[in-house]
Structure formats: structure tokens, C-alpha cells
């Protein structure tokens, strides 16, 4: 069964939404004192970032970014 619309944290720092094809939505780095620092890379949303969130909370935020981006991208067509 295909693995679609899940958040995947890659070792190279990319954050992907799985699918066909996978979509890069963010970059991550581990902050040793505070947790995950994540920055959105979606066009028009690059100013969004979250710091020091547990990974499960980050997943929800990243999916929210992706959903908002898809709504915006769909509205531009």
C-alpha cells in the first residue's frame, strides 16, 4: 500500500510529505538544548518557522503548512 501524506524527516535535513512525487516542505536541524528547529521552504511561505517543538507537534504544524500551501496554489490556477 502506498505511503502518502506522511511527514518524513530525512537525515540530510529535508522534511518531506510523502507521495508520488514526495514534496519538500521544510528543513530541520536539531537544537541540542531546545529541540527541533524547522523552517518552511514552500514557495511564498518561506518566512514560517517553528523552534523547540517536539517532533509530533512539528508534524501537525508541517501538515498545516502543506495544506495551506495547497489551498493557495489551487486558488492561483
PDB file of N, CA and C in Angstrom:
ATOM      1  N   UNK A   1       0.843  -1.183   0.000  1.00  0.00           N
ATOM      2  CA  UNK A   1       0.000   0.000   0.000  1.00  0.00           C
ATOM      3  C   UNK A   1       0.888   1.247   0.000  1.00  0.00           C
ATOM      4  N   UNK A   2       0.614   2.225  -0.878  1.00  0.00           N
ATOM      5  CA  UNK A   2       1.458   3.425  -0.945  1.00  0.00           C
ATOM      6  C   UNK A   2       1.416   4.235   0.353  1.00  0.00           C
ATOM      7  N   UNK A   3       2.505   4.933   0.600  1.00  0.00           N
ATOM      8  CA  UNK A   3       2.642   5.749   1.801  1.00  0.00           C
ATOM      9  C   UNK A   3       2.496   7.214   1.389  1.00  0.00           C
ATOM     10  N   UNK A   4       1.292   7.776   1.513  1.00  0.00           N
ATOM     11  CA  UNK A   4       1.010   9.137   1.069  1.00  0.00           C
ATOM     12  C   UNK A   4       0.722  10.046   2.255  1.00  0.00           C
ATOM     13  N   UNK A   5       1.088  11.316   2.090  1.00  0.00           N
ATOM     14  CA  UNK A   5       0.749  12.383   3.044  1.00  0.00           C
ATOM     15  C   UNK A   5       1.197  12.087   4.471  1.00  0.00           C
ATOM     16  N   UNK A   6       2.440  11.638   4.591  1.00  0.00           N
ATOM     17  CA  UNK A   6       3.051  11.486   5.905  1.00  0.00           C
ATOM     18  C   UNK A   6       4.292  12.366   5.938  1.00  0.00           C
ATOM     19  N   UNK A   7       4.633  12.842   7.119  1.00  0.00           N
ATOM     20  CA  UNK A   7       5.810  13.677   7.276  1.00  0.00           C
ATOM     21  C   UNK A   7       7.026  12.779   7.467  1.00  0.00           C
ATOM     22  N   UNK A   8       8.073  13.044   6.690  1.00  0.00           N
ATOM     23  CA  UNK A   8       9.298  12.259   6.788  1.00  0.00           C
ATOM     24  C   UNK A   8      10.478  13.210   7.011  1.00  0.00           C
ATOM     25  N   UNK A   9      11.203  13.006   8.116  1.00  0.00           N
ATOM     26  CA  UNK A   9      12.392  13.790   8.426  1.00  0.00           C
ATOM     27  C   UNK A   9      13.605  13.050   7.853  1.00  0.00           C
ATOM     28  N   UNK A  10      14.240  13.607   6.838  1.00  0.00           N
ATOM     29  CA  UNK A  10      15.390  12.972   6.199  1.00  0.00           C
ATOM     30  C   UNK A  10      16.678  13.355   6.929  1.00  0.00           C
ATOM     31  N   UNK A  11      17.652  12.468   6.857  1.00  0.00           N
ATOM     32  CA  UNK A  11      18.933  12.718   7.518  1.00  0.00           C
ATOM     33  C   UNK A  11      19.663  13.927   6.955  1.00  0.00           C
ATOM     34  N   UNK A  12      19.399  14.267   5.694  1.00  0.00           N
ATOM     35  CA  UNK A  12      20.087  15.406   5.082  1.00  0.00           C
ATOM     36  C   UNK A  12      19.460  16.749   5.443  1.00  0.00           C
ATOM     37  N   UNK A  13      18.447  16.740   6.318  1.00  0.00           N
ATOM     38  CA  UNK A  13      17.829  17.981   6.781  1.00  0.00           C
ATOM     39  C   UNK A  13      16.540  18.358   6.078  1.00  0.00           C
ATOM     40  N   UNK A  14      16.148  17.610   5.064  1.00  0.00           N
ATOM     41  CA  UNK A  14      14.878  17.903   4.389  1.00  0.00           C
ATOM     42  C   UNK A  14      13.718  17.310   5.172  1.00  0.00           C
ATOM     43  N   UNK A  15      12.565  17.977   5.081  1.00  0.00           N
ATOM     44  CA  UNK A  15      11.316  17.426   5.607  1.00  0.00           C
ATOM     45  C   UNK A  15      10.396  17.255   4.404  1.00  0.00           C
ATOM     46  N   UNK A  16       9.944  16.020   4.180  1.00  0.00           N
ATOM     47  CA  UNK A  16       9.124  15.707   3.016  1.00  0.00           C
ATOM     48  C   UNK A  16       7.721  15.315   3.429  1.00  0.00           C
ATOM     49  N   UNK A  17       6.765  15.600   2.546  1.00  0.00           N
ATOM     50  CA  UNK A  17       5.443  14.994   2.620  1.00  0.00           C
ATOM     51  C   UNK A  17       5.492  13.865   1.597  1.00  0.00           C
ATOM     52  N   UNK A  18       5.285  12.647   2.047  1.00  0.00           N
ATOM     53  CA  UNK A  18       5.405  11.506   1.151  1.00  0.00           C
ATOM     54  C   UNK A  18       4.269  11.496   0.141  1.00  0.00           C
ATOM     55  N   UNK A  19       4.548  10.913  -0.994  1.00  0.00           N
ATOM     56  CA  UNK A  19       3.558  10.821  -2.056  1.00  0.00           C
ATOM     57  C   UNK A  19       4.252  10.492  -3.352  1.00  0.00           C
ATOM     58  N   UNK A  20       3.568  10.720  -4.439  1.00  0.00           N
ATOM     59  CA  UNK A  20       4.139  10.449  -5.747  1.00  0.00           C
ATOM     60  C   UNK A  20       3.980  11.685  -6.621  1.00  0.00           C
ATOM     61  N   UNK A  21       4.950  12.570  -6.677  1.00  0.00           N
ATOM     62  CA  UNK A  21       6.249  12.502  -6.002  1.00  0.00           C
ATOM     63  C   UNK A  21       6.169  13.081  -4.588  1.00  0.00           C
ATOM     64  N   UNK A  22       7.207  12.849  -3.808  1.00  0.00           N
ATOM     65  CA  UNK A  22       7.306  13.460  -2.480  1.00  0.00           C
ATOM     66  C   UNK A  22       7.542  14.961  -2.645  1.00  0.00           C
ATOM     67  N   UNK A  23       7.067  15.747  -1.680  1.00  0.00           N
ATOM     68  CA  UNK A  23       7.187  17.203  -1.744  1.00  0.00           C
ATOM     69  C   UNK A  23       8.028  17.684  -0.570  1.00  0.00           C
ATOM     70  N   UNK A  24       9.096  18.428  -0.872  1.00  0.00           N
ATOM     71  CA  UNK A  24       9.903  19.028   0.195  1.00  0.00           C
ATOM     72  C   UNK A  24       9.142  20.228   0.747  1.00  0.00           C
ATOM     73  N   UNK A  25       8.872  20.236   2.042  1.00  0.00           N
ATOM     74  CA  UNK A  25       8.094  21.315   2.647  1.00  0.00           C
ATOM     75  C   UNK A  25       8.899  22.149   3.637  1.00  0.00           C
ATOM     76  N   UNK A  26       9.985  21.589   4.146  1.00  0.00           N
ATOM     77  CA  UNK A  26      10.714  22.290   5.201  1.00  0.00           C
ATOM     78  C   UNK A  26      12.134  21.756   5.309  1.00  0.00           C
ATOM     79  N   UNK A  27      12.941  22.452   6.125  1.00  0.00           N
ATOM     80  CA  UNK A  27      14.272  21.991   6.518  1.00  0.00           C
ATOM     81  C   UNK A  27      14.266  21.879   8.030  1.00  0.00           C
ATOM     82  N   UNK A  28      15.027  20.956   8.560  1.00  0.00           N
ATOM     83  CA  UNK A  28      15.097  20.813  10.015  1.00  0.00           C
ATOM     84  C   UNK A  28      16.540  20.735  10.465  1.00  0.00           C
ATOM     85  N   UNK A  29      16.764  21.135  11.711  1.00  0.00           N
ATOM     86  CA  UNK A  29      18.031  20.883  12.376  1.00  0.00           C
ATOM     87  C   UNK A  29      17.742  20.670  13.847  1.00  0.00           C
ATOM     88  N   UNK A  30      18.568  19.890  14.464  1.00  0.00           N
ATOM     89  CA  UNK A  30      18.386  19.566  15.888  1.00  0.00           C
ATOM     90  C   UNK A  30      19.099  20.620  16.717  1.00  0.00           C
ATOM     91  N   UNK A  31      18.335  21.251  17.584  1.00  0.00           N
ATOM     92  CA  UNK A  31      18.900  22.213  18.514  1.00  0.00           C
ATOM     93  C   UNK A  31      19.196  21.442  19.798  1.00  0.00           C
ATOM     94  N   UNK A  32      20.463  21.301  20.185  1.00  0.00           N
ATOM     95  CA  UNK A  32      20.808  20.419  21.304  1.00  0.00           C
ATOM     96  C   UNK A  32      20.134  20.778  22.627  1.00  0.00           C
ATOM     97  N   UNK A  33      19.831  22.053  22.833  1.00  0.00           N
ATOM     98  CA  UNK A  33      19.237  22.442  24.113  1.00  0.00           C
ATOM     99  C   UNK A  33      17.724  22.509  24.074  1.00  0.00           C
ATOM    100  N   UNK A  34      17.157  22.794  22.914  1.00  0.00           N
ATOM    101  CA  UNK A  34      15.726  23.104  22.885  1.00  0.00           C
ATOM    102  C   UNK A  34      14.857  22.143  22.091  1.00  0.00           C
ATOM    103  N   UNK A  35      15.407  21.425  21.142  1.00  0.00           N
ATOM    104  CA  UNK A  35      14.575  20.511  20.360  1.00  0.00           C
ATOM    105  C   UNK A  35      14.749  20.703  18.874  1.00  0.00           C
ATOM    106  N   UNK A  36      13.662  20.625  18.118  1.00  0.00           N
ATOM    107  CA  UNK A  36      13.688  20.700  16.656  1.00  0.00           C
ATOM    108  C   UNK A  36      13.485  22.132  16.199  1.00  0.00           C
ATOM    109  N   UNK A  37      14.354  22.625  15.318  1.00  0.00           N
ATOM    110  CA  UNK A  37      14.176  23.922  14.664  1.00  0.00           C
ATOM    111  C   UNK A  37      13.822  23.635  13.209  1.00  0.00           C
ATOM    112  N   UNK A  38      12.648  24.090  12.785  1.00  0.00           N
ATOM    113  CA  UNK A  38      12.132  23.730  11.464  1.00  0.00           C
ATOM    114  C   UNK A  38      11.732  24.992  10.712  1.00  0.00           C
ATOM    115  N   UNK A  39      12.166  25.089   9.455  1.00  0.00           N
ATOM    116  CA  UNK A  39      11.857  26.236   8.604  1.00  0.00           C
ATOM    117  C   UNK A  39      11.152  25.765   7.344  1.00  0.00           C
ATOM    118  N   UNK A  40      10.058  26.424   7.014  1.00  0.00           N
ATOM    119  CA  UNK A  40       9.286  26.076   5.817  1.00  0.00           C
ATOM    120  C   UNK A  40      10.055  26.494   4.563  1.00  0.00           C
ATOM    121  N   UNK A  41       9.990  25.692   3.506  1.00  0.00           N
ATOM    122  CA  UNK A  41      10.632  26.022   2.236  1.00  0.00           C
ATOM    123  C   UNK A  41       9.633  26.099   1.079  1.00  0.00           C
ATOM    124  N   UNK A  42       8.352  26.032   1.377  1.00  0.00           N
ATOM    125  CA  UNK A  42       7.355  26.102   0.306  1.00  0.00           C
ATOM    126  C   UNK A  42       7.310  27.505  -0.282  1.00  0.00           C
ATOM    127  N   UNK A  43       7.165  27.647  -1.596  1.00  0.00           N
ATOM    128  CA  UNK A  43       7.133  28.966  -2.231  1.00  0.00           C
ATOM    129  C   UNK A  43       6.060  29.855  -1.604  1.00  0.00           C
ATOM    130  N   UNK A  44       6.464  31.062  -1.250  1.00  0.00           N
ATOM    131  CA  UNK A  44       5.546  32.023  -0.649  1.00  0.00           C
ATOM    132  C   UNK A  44       5.331  31.840   0.838  1.00  0.00           C
ATOM    133  N   UNK A  45       5.925  30.805   1.429  1.00  0.00           N
ATOM    134  CA  UNK A  45       5.730  30.539   2.854  1.00  0.00           C
ATOM    135  C   UNK A  45       7.073  30.409   3.585  1.00  0.00           C
ATOM    136  N   UNK A  46       8.152  30.870   2.933  1.00  0.00           N
ATOM    137  CA  UNK A  46       9.488  30.671   3.479  1.00  0.00           C
ATOM    138  C   UNK A  46       9.736  31.383   4.796  1.00  0.00           C
ATOM    139  N   UNK A  47       8.890  32.347   5.133  1.00  0.00           N
ATOM    140  CA  UNK A  47       9.092  33.094   6.382  1.00  0.00           C
ATOM    141  C   UNK A  47       8.553  32.358   7.610  1.00  0.00           C
ATOM    142  N   UNK A  48       7.971  31.195   7.425  1.00  0.00           N
ATOM    143  CA  UNK A  48       7.396  30.458   8.554  1.00  0.00           C
ATOM    144  C   UNK A  48       8.437  29.520   9.163  1.00  0.00           C
ATOM    145  N   UNK A  49       8.521  29.531  10.470  1.00  0.00           N
ATOM    146  CA  UNK A  49       9.428  28.610  11.152  1.00  0.00           C
ATOM    147  C   UNK A  49       8.890  28.295  12.533  1.00  0.00           C
ATOM    148  N   UNK A  50       9.338  27.185  13.072  1.00  0.00           N
ATOM    149  CA  UNK A  50       8.970  26.783  14.430  1.00  0.00           C
ATOM    150  C   UNK A  50      10.242  26.315  15.126  1.00  0.00           C
ATOM    151  N   UNK A  51      10.332  26.609  16.380  1.00  0.00           N
ATOM    152  CA  UNK A  51      11.512  26.241  17.149  1.00  0.00           C
ATOM    153  C   UNK A  51      11.111  25.471  18.390  1.00  0.00           C
ATOM    154  N   UNK A  52      11.954  24.530  18.746  1.00  0.00           N
ATOM    155  CA  UNK A  52      11.847  23.822  20.024  1.00  0.00           C
ATOM    156  C   UNK A  52      10.532  23.073  20.202  1.00  0.00           C
ATOM    157  N   UNK A  53       9.979  22.557  19.121  1.00  0.00           N
ATOM    158  CA  UNK A  53       8.764  21.745  19.239  1.00  0.00           C
ATOM    159  C   UNK A  53       9.125  20.269  19.293  1.00  0.00           C
ATOM    160  N   UNK A  54       8.385  19.485  20.068  1.00  0.00           N
ATOM    161  CA  UNK A  54       8.543  18.029  19.948  1.00  0.00           C
ATOM    162  C   UNK A  54       8.185  17.609  18.519  1.00  0.00           C
ATOM    163  N   UNK A  55       8.743  16.530  18.074  1.00  0.00           N
ATOM    164  CA  UNK A  55       8.545  16.106  16.691  1.00  0.00           C
ATOM    165  C   UNK A  55       7.077  15.869  16.353  1.00  0.00           C
ATOM    166  N   UNK A  56       6.294  15.324  17.266  1.00  0.00           N
ATOM    167  CA  UNK A  56       4.882  15.080  16.958  1.00  0.00           C
ATOM    168  C   UNK A  56       4.131  16.388  16.747  1.00  0.00           C
ATOM    169  N   UNK A  57       4.434  17.406  17.537  1.00  0.00           N
ATOM    170  CA  UNK A  57       3.798  18.715  17.336  1.00  0.00           C
ATOM    171  C   UNK A  57       4.265  19.339  16.029  1.00  0.00           C
ATOM    172  N   UNK A  58       5.536  19.145  15.711  1.00  0.00           N
ATOM    173  CA  UNK A  58       6.066  19.663  14.447  1.00  0.00           C
ATOM    174  C   UNK A  58       5.351  19.026  13.268  1.00  0.00           C
ATOM    175  N   UNK A  59       5.053  17.733  13.349  1.00  0.00           N
ATOM    176  CA  UNK A  59       4.336  17.051  12.265  1.00  0.00           C
ATOM    177  C   UNK A  59       3.020  17.756  11.958  1.00  0.00           C
ATOM    178  N   UNK A  60       2.266  18.099  12.980  1.00  0.00           N
ATOM    179  CA  UNK A  60       0.971  18.770  12.790  1.00  0.00           C
ATOM    180  C   UNK A  60       1.147  20.129  12.129  1.00  0.00           C
ATOM    181  N   UNK A  61       2.144  20.878  12.577  1.00  0.00           N
ATOM    182  CA  UNK A  61       2.393  22.198  12.009  1.00  0.00           C
ATOM    183  C   UNK A  61       2.805  22.091  10.547  1.00  0.00           C
ATOM    184  N   UNK A  62       3.681  21.145  10.246  1.00  0.00           N
ATOM    185  CA  UNK A  62       4.145  20.953   8.867  1.00  0.00           C
ATOM    186  C   UNK A  62       2.988  20.557   7.957  1.00  0.00           C
ATOM    187  N   UNK A  63       2.116  19.677   8.407  1.00  0.00           N
ATOM    188  CA  UNK A  63       0.951  19.304   7.594  1.00  0.00           C
ATOM    189  C   UNK A  63       0.039  20.510   7.390  1.00  0.00           C
ATOM    190  N   UNK A  64      -0.061  21.356   8.405  1.00  0.00           N
ATOM    191  CA  UNK A  64      -0.844  22.593   8.260  1.00  0.00           C
ATOM    192  C   UNK A  64      -0.252  23.516   7.206  1.00  0.00           C
ATOM    193  N   UNK A  65       1.065  23.657   7.215  1.00  0.00           N
ATOM    194  CA  UNK A  65       1.739  24.466   6.191  1.00  0.00           C
ATOM    195  C   UNK A  65       1.451  23.913   4.809  1.00  0.00           C
ATOM    196  N   UNK A  66       1.572  22.595   4.674  1.00  0.00           N
ATOM    197  CA  UNK A  66       1.370  21.949   3.379  1.00  0.00           C
ATOM    198  C   UNK A  66      -0.079  22.146   2.909  1.00  0.00           C
ATOM    199  N   UNK A  67      -1.031  21.979   3.810  1.00  0.00           N
ATOM    200  CA  UNK A  67      -2.447  22.165   3.446  1.00  0.00           C
ATOM    201  C   UNK A  67      -2.714  23.599   3.014  1.00  0.00           C
ATOM    202  N   UNK A  68      -2.174  24.559   3.759  1.00  0.00           N
ATOM    203  CA  UNK A  68      -2.361  25.974   3.416  1.00  0.00           C
ATOM    204  C   UNK A  68      -1.722  26.277   2.061  1.00  0.00           C
ATOM    205  N   UNK A  69      -0.563  25.709   1.815  1.00  0.00           N
ATOM    206  CA  UNK A  69       0.123  25.917   0.536  1.00  0.00           C
ATOM    207  C   UNK A  69      -0.704  25.336  -0.614  1.00  0.00           C
ATOM    208  N   UNK A  70      -1.260  24.155  -0.416  1.00  0.00           N
ATOM    209  CA  UNK A  70      -2.045  23.522  -1.472  1.00  0.00           C
ATOM    210  C   UNK A  70      -3.303  24.329  -1.771  1.00  0.00           C
ATOM    211  N   UNK A  71      -3.932  24.886  -0.735  1.00  0.00           N
ATOM    212  CA  UNK A  71      -5.124  25.719  -0.946  1.00  0.00           C
ATOM    213  C   UNK A  71      -4.744  26.970  -1.739  1.00  0.00           C
ATOM    214  N   UNK A  72      -3.625  27.596  -1.366  1.00  0.00           N
ATOM    215  CA  UNK A  72      -3.165  28.803  -2.053  1.00  0.00           C
ATOM    216  C   UNK A  72      -2.779  28.485  -3.494  1.00  0.00           C
ATOM    217  N   UNK A  73      -2.036  27.390  -3.689  1.00  0.00           N
ATOM    218  CA  UNK A  73      -1.611  27.001  -5.033  1.00  0.00           C
ATOM    219  C   UNK A  73      -2.813  26.667  -5.893  1.00  0.00           C
ATOM    220  N   UNK A  74      -3.806  26.021  -5.315  1.00  0.00           N
ATOM    221  CA  UNK A  74      -5.021  25.678  -6.068  1.00  0.00           C
ATOM    222  C   UNK A  74      -5.813  26.905  -6.452  1.00  0.00           C
ATOM    223  N   UNK A  75      -5.790  27.932  -5.584  1.00  0.00           N
ATOM    224  CA  UNK A  75      -6.533  29.151  -5.859  1.00  0.00           C
ATOM    225  C   UNK A  75      -5.901  29.998  -6.945  1.00  0.00           C
ATOM    226  N   UNK A  76      -4.596  29.823  -7.189  1.00  0.00           N
ATOM    227  CA  UNK A  76      -3.896  30.630  -8.187  1.00  0.00           C
ATOM    228  C   UNK A  76      -4.117  30.130  -9.605  1.00  0.00           C
ATOM    229  N   UNK A  77      -4.546  28.896  -9.744  1.00  0.00           N
ATOM    230  CA  UNK A  77      -4.697  28.322 -11.091  1.00  0.00           C
ATOM    231  C   UNK A  77      -5.913  28.874 -11.785  1.00  0.00           C
TER     232      UNK A  77
END
